[in-house]
Amino acid sequence: MSKKAHLKLVLMLLILSIKLREKFMPRGIPSLTENQKSEIIKRVTDKGERVPDLAREYNVVPKIIYNLLRNKANQHQAVIELVKLKRENEALVKIIGSLVAESRLGKKKK
């Protein structure tokens, strides 16, 4: 068998194996609805249920649930940071306002 024919055969076998894998082994992980995500987060945080048990129940890998929990924690941190920044911004606006008022009063006196 020539090298070219051999490469052609290998390529055909590779394509066939990919098509068979796609047909019999679905790709991807089943997605969770927003309600399911909320329920899972509540069950882990409030009721203390184990992640592997919930993963089996919802037919997902545990990593999906751990990612949900991590993202929820990150969102919480982002909200805390936003509130802190808003407070700082309000304080700075007050300071700037009082400085502007003082400078205007100083100009009027002269």
Protein backbone atom coordinates (compact mmCIF):
# COMPACT_ATOMS: atom_id res chain seq x y z
CA MET A 1 0.00 0.00 0.00
CA SER A 2 1.39 3.37 -0.96
CA LYS A 3 1.94 6.09 1.59
CA LYS A 4 -0.76 8.22 -0.02
CA ALA A 5 -3.31 5.38 0.10
CA HIS A 6 -2.38 4.66 3.70
CA LEU A 7 -2.91 8.31 4.71
CA LYS A 8 -6.24 8.34 2.89
CA LEU A 9 -7.36 5.23 4.78
CA VAL A 10 -6.27 6.67 8.14
CA LEU A 11 -8.12 9.90 7.40
CA MET A 12 -11.30 8.02 6.45
CA LEU A 13 -11.11 5.95 9.66
CA LEU A 14 -10.61 9.11 11.71
CA ILE A 15 -13.64 10.79 10.12
CA LEU A 16 -15.72 7.65 10.66
CA SER A 17 -14.73 7.43 14.33
CA ILE A 18 -15.64 11.10 14.86
CA LYS A 19 -19.05 10.61 13.25
CA LEU A 20 -19.72 7.51 15.35
CA ARG A 21 -18.67 9.29 18.54
CA GLU A 22 -21.00 12.21 17.77
CA LYS A 23 -23.87 9.83 17.11
CA PHE A 24 -23.51 7.58 20.15
CA MET A 25 -21.79 9.84 22.67
CA PRO A 26 -23.64 13.13 22.97
CA ARG A 27 -21.36 16.05 23.63
CA GLY A 28 -21.80 18.66 26.26
CA ILE A 29 -23.26 18.65 29.69
CA PRO A 30 -26.99 18.92 30.26
CA SER A 31 -27.76 22.51 31.08
CA LEU A 32 -29.60 23.55 34.20
CA THR A 33 -32.49 25.98 34.21
CA GLU A 34 -32.27 29.11 36.35
CA ASN A 35 -34.79 27.57 38.77
CA GLN A 36 -32.68 24.44 39.11
CA LYS A 37 -29.56 26.53 39.71
CA SER A 38 -31.32 28.52 42.45
CA GLU A 39 -32.67 25.36 44.03
CA ILE A 40 -29.26 23.68 44.02
CA ILE A 41 -27.59 26.71 45.60
CA LYS A 42 -30.26 26.86 48.32
CA ARG A 43 -30.02 23.15 49.03
CA VAL A 44 -26.25 23.32 49.42
CA THR A 45 -26.07 26.55 51.41
CA ASP A 46 -29.24 26.29 53.52
CA LYS A 47 -29.78 22.57 53.96
CA GLY A 48 -26.14 21.48 53.73
CA GLU A 49 -26.77 18.81 51.11
CA ARG A 50 -23.71 17.26 49.51
CA VAL A 51 -22.63 18.41 46.05
CA PRO A 52 -21.95 14.89 44.68
CA ASP A 53 -25.47 13.80 45.68
CA LEU A 54 -27.06 16.80 43.98
CA ALA A 55 -24.88 16.30 40.91
CA ARG A 56 -26.17 12.75 40.60
CA GLU A 57 -29.76 13.90 41.10
CA TYR A 58 -29.52 16.60 38.41
CA ASN A 59 -27.37 14.47 36.08
CA VAL A 60 -24.43 16.88 35.98
CA VAL A 61 -20.82 16.62 37.06
CA PRO A 62 -20.03 18.05 40.52
CA LYS A 63 -17.77 20.68 38.96
CA ILE A 64 -20.86 22.38 37.49
CA ILE A 65 -22.33 22.82 40.96
CA TYR A 66 -19.03 23.97 42.46
CA ASN A 67 -18.80 26.57 39.67
CA LEU A 68 -22.36 27.73 40.45
CA LEU A 69 -21.43 28.17 44.10
CA ARG A 70 -18.20 29.99 43.25
CA ASN A 71 -19.98 32.33 40.81
CA LYS A 72 -22.65 33.08 43.42
CA ALA A 73 -19.94 33.94 45.96
CA ASN A 74 -18.18 36.15 43.41
CA GLN A 75 -21.45 37.96 42.65
CA HIS A 76 -21.94 38.55 46.37
CA GLN A 77 -18.43 39.99 46.66
CA ALA A 78 -19.07 42.21 43.63
CA VAL A 79 -22.25 43.60 45.23
CA ILE A 80 -20.39 44.31 48.47
CA GLU A 81 -17.63 46.07 46.52
CA LEU A 82 -20.20 48.11 44.55
CA VAL A 83 -21.92 49.29 47.74
CA LYS A 84 -18.55 50.25 49.22
CA LEU A 85 -17.61 52.21 46.10
CA LYS A 86 -20.97 54.01 46.08
CA ARG A 87 -20.45 55.08 49.70
CA GLU A 88 -16.95 56.31 48.92
CA ASN A 89 -18.27 58.16 45.88
CA GLU A 90 -20.99 59.87 47.93
CA ALA A 91 -18.42 60.92 50.54
CA LEU A 92 -16.13 62.33 47.85
CA VAL A 93 -19.00 64.23 46.22
CA LYS A 94 -19.82 65.83 49.61
CA ILE A 95 -16.18 66.76 50.16
CA ILE A 96 -15.88 68.25 46.68
CA GLY A 97 -19.15 70.12 47.16
CA SER A 98 -17.99 71.64 50.43
CA LEU A 99 -14.60 72.57 48.91
CA VAL A 100 -16.30 74.25 45.95
CA ALA A 101 -18.62 76.12 48.31
CA GLU A 102 -15.67 77.26 50.43
CA SER A 103 -13.74 78.44 47.39
CA ARG A 104 -16.77 80.43 46.15
CA LEU A 105 -17.19 82.05 49.56
CA GLY A 106 -13.50 82.90 49.60
CA LYS A 107 -13.75 84.58 46.19
CA LYS A 108 -16.83 86.60 47.23
CA LYS A 109 -15.07 87.96 50.35
CA LYS A 110 -12.16 89.33 48.32
